[in-house]
Amino acid sequence: MGDPLGLIIGIGNPGARYARTRHNVGIWFVEKLAGESGGVFKEEKKFNGRVCTIDFHGRELKLLIPTTYMNASGKSVGSLVNFYKIPHQKILIAHDELDLATGIIRFKQGGGLAGHKGLRDISRCLGGSQEFNRLRIGVGHPGVKEAVTGHVLGIVTPDDKAMVDKCIDNALVVLPLAVEGEWQQAMNQLHKPLPSPGSKPPKDGEP
């Protein structure tokens, strides 16, 4: 049993220009969570972000979408976390993940930042802490380092959008477990491999 969640953050870039890009998939997750929970975001200038509070399965949760650019996410996150004195272990940050293929989504508790500039800035503004939880939403890697910026700032194709939407839906199904601190159970359910297309369930007596 781990720490229950008190704050969920979706990081990306502000404005219509970036709304449909791979860099903003974390924002898609938080916006869908708010929409399904009746949350309405309000811009809070003192937090440099859009904030709302929802009742999620009986637990109060704050949601934050920074209105800073991705690489300056820490300014928003740090100000809200410090104002409400939220322990870092009770934070979940949803973000794009180059090291996971599109359609793959994973929870991660603490640990390294894998060079993600948004997470690095958040860690810097939280005094170097890396104890926050992450929801890593796969967007795939373009293959070469030089193409990364164009890839994450590119508009998601319809096929990739459908895969990202599906993995976000899967994460929302198991989110109640993570919110209650049942991290191992949440990971087990979210990370289990999906059946391959066209596969058939085993017959009785088969493994």
C-alpha atoms as a PDB file:
ATOM      1  CA  MET A   1       0.000   0.000   0.000  1.00  0.00           C
ATOM      2  CA  GLY A   2       1.461   3.329  -1.040  1.00  0.00           C
ATOM      3  CA  ASP A   3       0.467   6.947  -0.688  1.00  0.00           C
ATOM      4  CA  PRO A   4      -2.966   7.980  -1.986  1.00  0.00           C
ATOM      5  CA  LEU A   5      -3.059  10.762  -4.552  1.00  0.00           C
ATOM      6  CA  GLY A   6      -4.048  14.356  -3.883  1.00  0.00           C
ATOM      7  CA  LEU A   7      -2.965  16.061  -7.119  1.00  0.00           C
ATOM      8  CA  ILE A   8      -2.897  14.998 -10.777  1.00  0.00           C
ATOM      9  CA  ILE A   9      -1.074  17.154 -13.319  1.00  0.00           C
ATOM     10  CA  GLY A  10      -1.067  17.069 -17.119  1.00  0.00           C
ATOM     11  CA  ILE A  11       1.892  18.798 -18.751  1.00  0.00           C
ATOM     12  CA  GLY A  12       2.268  20.072 -22.315  1.00  0.00           C
ATOM     13  CA  ASN A  13       2.270  23.370 -24.195  1.00  0.00           C
ATOM     14  CA  PRO A  14      -0.474  26.034 -24.070  1.00  0.00           C
ATOM     15  CA  GLY A  15      -2.561  27.304 -26.960  1.00  0.00           C
ATOM     16  CA  ALA A  16      -4.434  25.918 -29.949  1.00  0.00           C
ATOM     17  CA  ARG A  17      -1.222  25.524 -31.960  1.00  0.00           C
ATOM     18  CA  TYR A  18      -0.052  22.688 -29.701  1.00  0.00           C
ATOM     19  CA  ALA A  19      -3.355  21.188 -28.554  1.00  0.00           C
ATOM     20  CA  ARG A  20      -3.239  18.185 -30.925  1.00  0.00           C
ATOM     21  CA  THR A  21       0.497  17.482 -30.674  1.00  0.00           C
ATOM     22  CA  ARG A  22       2.182  14.469 -29.065  1.00  0.00           C
ATOM     23  CA  HIS A  23       3.714  16.694 -26.386  1.00  0.00           C
ATOM     24  CA  ASN A  24       0.217  17.375 -25.027  1.00  0.00           C
ATOM     25  CA  VAL A  25      -1.042  13.842 -24.407  1.00  0.00           C
ATOM     26  CA  GLY A  26      -0.691  14.353 -20.634  1.00  0.00           C
ATOM     27  CA  ILE A  27      -3.107  17.271 -20.877  1.00  0.00           C
ATOM     28  CA  TRP A  28      -5.549  15.066 -22.816  1.00  0.00           C
ATOM     29  CA  PHE A  29      -5.565  12.612 -19.922  1.00  0.00           C
ATOM     30  CA  VAL A  30      -6.296  15.236 -17.266  1.00  0.00           C
ATOM     31  CA  GLU A  31      -8.932  16.970 -19.382  1.00  0.00           C
ATOM     32  CA  LYS A  32     -10.737  13.676 -19.942  1.00  0.00           C
ATOM     33  CA  LEU A  33     -10.555  12.867 -16.217  1.00  0.00           C
ATOM     34  CA  ALA A  34     -12.051  16.281 -15.400  1.00  0.00           C
ATOM     35  CA  GLY A  35     -14.766  15.897 -18.018  1.00  0.00           C
ATOM     36  CA  GLU A  36     -15.828  12.479 -16.715  1.00  0.00           C
ATOM     37  CA  SER A  37     -15.837  13.758 -13.127  1.00  0.00           C
ATOM     38  CA  GLY A  38     -17.745  17.006 -13.692  1.00  0.00           C
ATOM     39  CA  GLY A  39     -14.713  19.199 -13.073  1.00  0.00           C
ATOM     40  CA  VAL A  40     -14.500  22.693 -14.562  1.00  0.00           C
ATOM     41  CA  PHE A  41     -11.081  24.284 -14.896  1.00  0.00           C
ATOM     42  CA  LYS A  42     -10.481  27.844 -13.761  1.00  0.00           C
ATOM     43  CA  GLU A  43      -7.375  29.774 -14.683  1.00  0.00           C
ATOM     44  CA  GLU A  44      -5.405  30.638 -11.555  1.00  0.00           C
ATOM     45  CA  LYS A  45      -2.740  33.227 -12.327  1.00  0.00           C
ATOM     46  CA  LYS A  46      -0.970  32.710  -9.006  1.00  0.00           C
ATOM     47  CA  PHE A  47      -0.386  29.087 -10.025  1.00  0.00           C
ATOM     48  CA  ASN A  48       0.318  29.809 -13.714  1.00  0.00           C
ATOM     49  CA  GLY A  49      -2.190  27.147 -14.639  1.00  0.00           C
ATOM     50  CA  ARG A  50      -5.726  25.886 -14.944  1.00  0.00           C
ATOM     51  CA  VAL A  51      -6.992  24.250 -11.751  1.00  0.00           C
ATOM     52  CA  CYS A  52     -10.064  22.345 -10.669  1.00  0.00           C
ATOM     53  CA  THR A  53     -11.101  20.127  -7.761  1.00  0.00           C
ATOM     54  CA  ILE A  54     -13.091  16.953  -8.300  1.00  0.00           C
ATOM     55  CA  ASP A  55     -14.698  14.315  -6.127  1.00  0.00           C
ATOM     56  CA  PHE A  56     -13.205  11.086  -7.447  1.00  0.00           C
ATOM     57  CA  HIS A  57     -14.723   7.949  -5.936  1.00  0.00           C
ATOM     58  CA  GLY A  58     -15.201   9.770  -2.648  1.00  0.00           C
ATOM     59  CA  ARG A  59     -11.737  11.340  -2.530  1.00  0.00           C
ATOM     60  CA  GLU A  60     -11.016  15.014  -3.204  1.00  0.00           C
ATOM     61  CA  LEU A  61      -8.502  15.463  -6.003  1.00  0.00           C
ATOM     62  CA  LYS A  62      -6.923  18.624  -7.364  1.00  0.00           C
ATOM     63  CA  LEU A  63      -6.187  18.725 -11.094  1.00  0.00           C
ATOM     64  CA  LEU A  64      -3.633  21.074 -12.632  1.00  0.00           C
ATOM     65  CA  ILE A  65      -2.752  21.926 -16.229  1.00  0.00           C
ATOM     66  CA  PRO A  66       0.132  24.434 -16.323  1.00  0.00           C
ATOM     67  CA  THR A  67      -0.285  27.321 -18.766  1.00  0.00           C
ATOM     68  CA  THR A  68       3.493  27.607 -19.032  1.00  0.00           C
ATOM     69  CA  TYR A  69       5.383  25.867 -21.821  1.00  0.00           C
ATOM     70  CA  MET A  70       6.383  22.259 -21.173  1.00  0.00           C
ATOM     71  CA  ASN A  71      10.006  23.036 -20.319  1.00  0.00           C
ATOM     72  CA  ALA A  72       8.897  25.552 -17.655  1.00  0.00           C
ATOM     73  CA  SER A  73       6.245  23.343 -16.033  1.00  0.00           C
ATOM     74  CA  GLY A  74       7.943  23.549 -12.647  1.00  0.00           C
ATOM     75  CA  LYS A  75       6.929  27.172 -12.119  1.00  0.00           C
ATOM     76  CA  SER A  76       3.267  26.176 -12.074  1.00  0.00           C
ATOM     77  CA  VAL A  77       3.641  22.853 -10.278  1.00  0.00           C
ATOM     78  CA  GLY A  78       5.979  24.206  -7.611  1.00  0.00           C
ATOM     79  CA  SER A  79       3.752  27.156  -6.757  1.00  0.00           C
ATOM     80  CA  LEU A  80       0.615  25.016  -6.307  1.00  0.00           C
ATOM     81  CA  VAL A  81       2.367  22.178  -4.468  1.00  0.00           C
ATOM     82  CA  ASN A  82       4.073  24.572  -2.067  1.00  0.00           C
ATOM     83  CA  PHE A  83       0.888  26.593  -1.487  1.00  0.00           C
ATOM     84  CA  TYR A  84      -1.190  23.537  -0.557  1.00  0.00           C
ATOM     85  CA  LYS A  85       1.766  21.690   1.033  1.00  0.00           C
ATOM     86  CA  ILE A  86       1.111  18.549  -1.001  1.00  0.00           C
ATOM     87  CA  PRO A  87       3.608  15.732  -0.311  1.00  0.00           C
ATOM     88  CA  HIS A  88       5.469  14.821  -3.476  1.00  0.00           C
ATOM     89  CA  GLN A  89       4.499  11.153  -3.129  1.00  0.00           C
ATOM     90  CA  LYS A  90       0.835  12.202  -3.511  1.00  0.00           C
ATOM     91  CA  ILE A  91       1.394  13.734  -6.964  1.00  0.00           C
ATOM     92  CA  LEU A  92       0.796  12.037 -10.328  1.00  0.00           C
ATOM     93  CA  ILE A  93       2.165  13.702 -13.467  1.00  0.00           C
ATOM     94  CA  ALA A  94       0.834  12.606 -16.859  1.00  0.00           C
ATOM     95  CA  HIS A  95       3.281  13.185 -19.707  1.00  0.00           C
ATOM     96  CA  ASP A  96       4.395  12.041 -23.148  1.00  0.00           C
ATOM     97  CA  GLU A  97       7.002   9.263 -23.228  1.00  0.00           C
ATOM     98  CA  LEU A  98       9.357   8.746 -26.166  1.00  0.00           C
ATOM     99  CA  ASP A  99      10.659   5.446 -24.793  1.00  0.00           C
ATOM    100  CA  LEU A 100       7.241   3.773 -25.064  1.00  0.00           C
ATOM    101  CA  ALA A 101       5.530   2.915 -28.340  1.00  0.00           C
ATOM    102  CA  THR A 102       2.302   4.709 -29.194  1.00  0.00           C
ATOM    103  CA  GLY A 103      -0.568   2.908 -27.500  1.00  0.00           C
ATOM    104  CA  ILE A 104       1.497   1.813 -24.498  1.00  0.00           C
ATOM    105  CA  ILE A 105       0.917   3.455 -21.098  1.00  0.00           C
ATOM    106  CA  ARG A 106       2.688   2.843 -17.820  1.00  0.00           C
ATOM    107  CA  PHE A 107       2.689   4.038 -14.222  1.00  0.00           C
ATOM    108  CA  LYS A 108       6.033   4.817 -12.608  1.00  0.00           C
ATOM    109  CA  GLN A 109       6.787   5.683  -9.003  1.00  0.00           C
ATOM    110  CA  GLY A 110       9.702   8.033  -8.523  1.00  0.00           C
ATOM    111  CA  GLY A 111      13.071   7.254 -10.098  1.00  0.00           C
ATOM    112  CA  GLY A 112      14.943   8.845 -12.977  1.00  0.00           C
ATOM    113  CA  LEU A 113      13.507  11.419 -15.352  1.00  0.00           C
ATOM    114  CA  ALA A 114      14.852   9.908 -18.606  1.00  0.00           C
ATOM    115  CA  GLY A 115      15.863  13.350 -19.900  1.00  0.00           C
ATOM    116  CA  HIS A 116      12.273  14.650 -20.016  1.00  0.00           C
ATOM    117  CA  LYS A 117      12.675  18.425 -19.831  1.00  0.00           C
ATOM    118  CA  GLY A 118       9.241  19.033 -18.336  1.00  0.00           C
ATOM    119  CA  LEU A 119       9.874  16.547 -15.529  1.00  0.00           C
ATOM    120  CA  ARG A 120      13.364  17.923 -14.984  1.00  0.00           C
ATOM    121  CA  ASP A 121      12.004  21.437 -14.495  1.00  0.00           C
ATOM    122  CA  ILE A 122       9.342  20.156 -12.100  1.00  0.00           C
ATOM    123  CA  SER A 123      11.983  18.284 -10.104  1.00  0.00           C
ATOM    124  CA  ARG A 124      14.142  21.435  -9.978  1.00  0.00           C
ATOM    125  CA  CYS A 125      11.223  23.499  -8.631  1.00  0.00           C
ATOM    126  CA  LEU A 126      10.470  20.809  -6.025  1.00  0.00           C
ATOM    127  CA  GLY A 127      13.958  21.101  -4.571  1.00  0.00           C
ATOM    128  CA  GLY A 128      15.395  18.283  -6.675  1.00  0.00           C
ATOM    129  CA  SER A 129      12.784  15.742  -5.569  1.00  0.00           C
ATOM    130  CA  GLN A 130      11.955  12.888  -7.945  1.00  0.00           C
ATOM    131  CA  GLU A 131       9.488  11.205  -5.591  1.00  0.00           C
ATOM    132  CA  PHE A 132       6.392  12.135  -7.593  1.00  0.00           C
ATOM    133  CA  ASN A 133       4.517   9.462  -9.551  1.00  0.00           C
ATOM    134  CA  ARG A 134       4.206   9.497 -13.341  1.00  0.00           C
ATOM    135  CA  LEU A 135       1.764   8.286 -15.951  1.00  0.00           C
ATOM    136  CA  ARG A 136       3.958   7.691 -19.003  1.00  0.00           C
ATOM    137  CA  ILE A 137       1.899   7.893 -22.209  1.00  0.00           C
ATOM    138  CA  GLY A 138       3.778   6.402 -25.131  1.00  0.00           C
ATOM    139  CA  VAL A 139       4.210   8.499 -28.275  1.00  0.00           C
ATOM    140  CA  GLY A 140       7.008   6.461 -29.851  1.00  0.00           C
ATOM    141  CA  HIS A 141      10.499   7.590 -30.896  1.00  0.00           C
ATOM    142  CA  PRO A 142      11.240   8.926 -34.392  1.00  0.00           C
ATOM    143  CA  GLY A 143      14.471   6.907 -34.498  1.00  0.00           C
ATOM    144  CA  VAL A 144      17.062   9.687 -34.432  1.00  0.00           C
ATOM    145  CA  LYS A 145      17.697  12.364 -31.818  1.00  0.00           C
ATOM    146  CA  GLU A 146      17.580  15.167 -34.377  1.00  0.00           C
ATOM    147  CA  ALA A 147      13.963  14.359 -35.225  1.00  0.00           C
ATOM    148  CA  VAL A 148      12.642  14.321 -31.651  1.00  0.00           C
ATOM    149  CA  THR A 149      11.527  17.963 -31.467  1.00  0.00           C
ATOM    150  CA  GLY A 150       9.576  17.749 -34.716  1.00  0.00           C
ATOM    151  CA  HIS A 151       8.062  14.458 -33.578  1.00  0.00           C
ATOM    152  CA  VAL A 152       6.728  15.617 -30.193  1.00  0.00           C
ATOM    153  CA  LEU A 153       5.552  18.931 -31.626  1.00  0.00           C
ATOM    154  CA  GLY A 154       3.873  17.202 -34.571  1.00  0.00           C
ATOM    155  CA  ILE A 155       0.120  16.685 -34.762  1.00  0.00           C
ATOM    156  CA  VAL A 156      -0.877  13.141 -33.900  1.00  0.00           C
ATOM    157  CA  THR A 157      -2.120  11.076 -36.852  1.00  0.00           C
ATOM    158  CA  PRO A 158      -5.711   9.773 -36.665  1.00  0.00           C
ATOM    159  CA  ASP A 159      -4.487   6.191 -36.113  1.00  0.00           C
ATOM    160  CA  ASP A 160      -2.085   7.237 -33.349  1.00  0.00           C
ATOM    161  CA  LYS A 161      -4.772   9.434 -31.786  1.00  0.00           C
ATOM    162  CA  ALA A 162      -7.093   6.439 -31.571  1.00  0.00           C
ATOM    163  CA  MET A 163      -4.368   4.386 -29.862  1.00  0.00           C
ATOM    164  CA  VAL A 164      -3.549   7.168 -27.384  1.00  0.00           C
ATOM    165  CA  ASP A 165      -7.238   7.659 -26.588  1.00  0.00           C
ATOM    166  CA  LYS A 166      -7.590   3.923 -25.943  1.00  0.00           C
ATOM    167  CA  CYS A 167      -4.639   3.794 -23.554  1.00  0.00           C
ATOM    168  CA  ILE A 168      -5.940   6.879 -21.728  1.00  0.00           C
ATOM    169  CA  ASP A 169      -9.279   5.105 -21.298  1.00  0.00           C
ATOM    170  CA  ASN A 170      -7.449   2.065 -19.901  1.00  0.00           C
ATOM    171  CA  ALA A 171      -5.590   4.263 -17.412  1.00  0.00           C
ATOM    172  CA  LEU A 172      -8.825   5.892 -16.261  1.00  0.00           C
ATOM    173  CA  VAL A 173     -10.281   2.451 -15.540  1.00  0.00           C
ATOM    174  CA  VAL A 174      -7.485   1.594 -13.071  1.00  0.00           C
ATOM    175  CA  LEU A 175      -6.982   5.142 -11.756  1.00  0.00           C
ATOM    176  CA  PRO A 176      -9.207   4.559  -8.673  1.00  0.00           C
ATOM    177  CA  LEU A 177      -6.649   1.999  -7.451  1.00  0.00           C
ATOM    178  CA  ALA A 178      -3.751   4.440  -7.859  1.00  0.00           C
ATOM    179  CA  VAL A 179      -5.703   7.240  -6.204  1.00  0.00           C
ATOM    180  CA  GLU A 180      -6.190   5.015  -3.149  1.00  0.00           C
ATOM    181  CA  GLY A 181      -2.479   4.150  -3.057  1.00  0.00           C
ATOM    182  CA  GLU A 182      -2.960   0.606  -4.385  1.00  0.00           C
ATOM    183  CA  TRP A 183      -0.061   1.112  -6.765  1.00  0.00           C
ATOM    184  CA  GLN A 184       0.988  -2.491  -7.308  1.00  0.00           C
ATOM    185  CA  GLN A 185      -2.539  -3.538  -8.168  1.00  0.00           C
ATOM    186  CA  ALA A 186      -2.970  -0.545 -10.478  1.00  0.00           C
ATOM    187  CA  MET A 187       0.291  -1.357 -12.262  1.00  0.00           C
ATOM    188  CA  ASN A 188      -0.564  -5.026 -12.599  1.00  0.00           C
ATOM    189  CA  GLN A 189      -3.858  -4.194 -14.285  1.00  0.00           C
ATOM    190  CA  LEU A 190      -2.581  -1.382 -16.509  1.00  0.00           C
ATOM    191  CA  HIS A 191       0.630  -3.122 -17.563  1.00  0.00           C
ATOM    192  CA  LYS A 192      -0.740  -6.566 -18.399  1.00  0.00           C
ATOM    193  CA  PRO A 193      -0.306  -7.352 -22.102  1.00  0.00           C
ATOM    194  CA  LEU A 194      -3.356  -6.989 -24.289  1.00  0.00           C
ATOM    195  CA  PRO A 195      -4.378  -9.949 -26.467  1.00  0.00           C
ATOM    196  CA  SER A 196      -2.964  -9.752 -29.978  1.00  0.00           C
ATOM    197  CA  PRO A 197      -5.451  -8.963 -32.762  1.00  0.00           C
ATOM    198  CA  GLY A 198      -7.228 -12.100 -33.936  1.00  0.00           C
ATOM    199  CA  SER A 199      -6.035 -14.192 -31.003  1.00  0.00           C
ATOM    200  CA  LYS A 200      -8.463 -16.715 -29.579  1.00  0.00           C
ATOM    201  CA  PRO A 201      -8.990 -17.549 -25.908  1.00  0.00           C
ATOM    202  CA  PRO A 202      -7.433 -20.889 -24.866  1.00  0.00           C
ATOM    203  CA  LYS A 203      -9.605 -23.998 -24.877  1.00  0.00           C
ATOM    204  CA  ASP A 204     -10.351 -25.814 -21.658  1.00  0.00           C
ATOM    205  CA  GLY A 205      -7.275 -27.597 -20.450  1.00  0.00           C
ATOM    206  CA  GLU A 206      -4.880 -25.393 -22.461  1.00  0.00           C
ATOM    207  CA  PRO A 207      -2.448 -23.057 -20.651  1.00  0.00           C
END
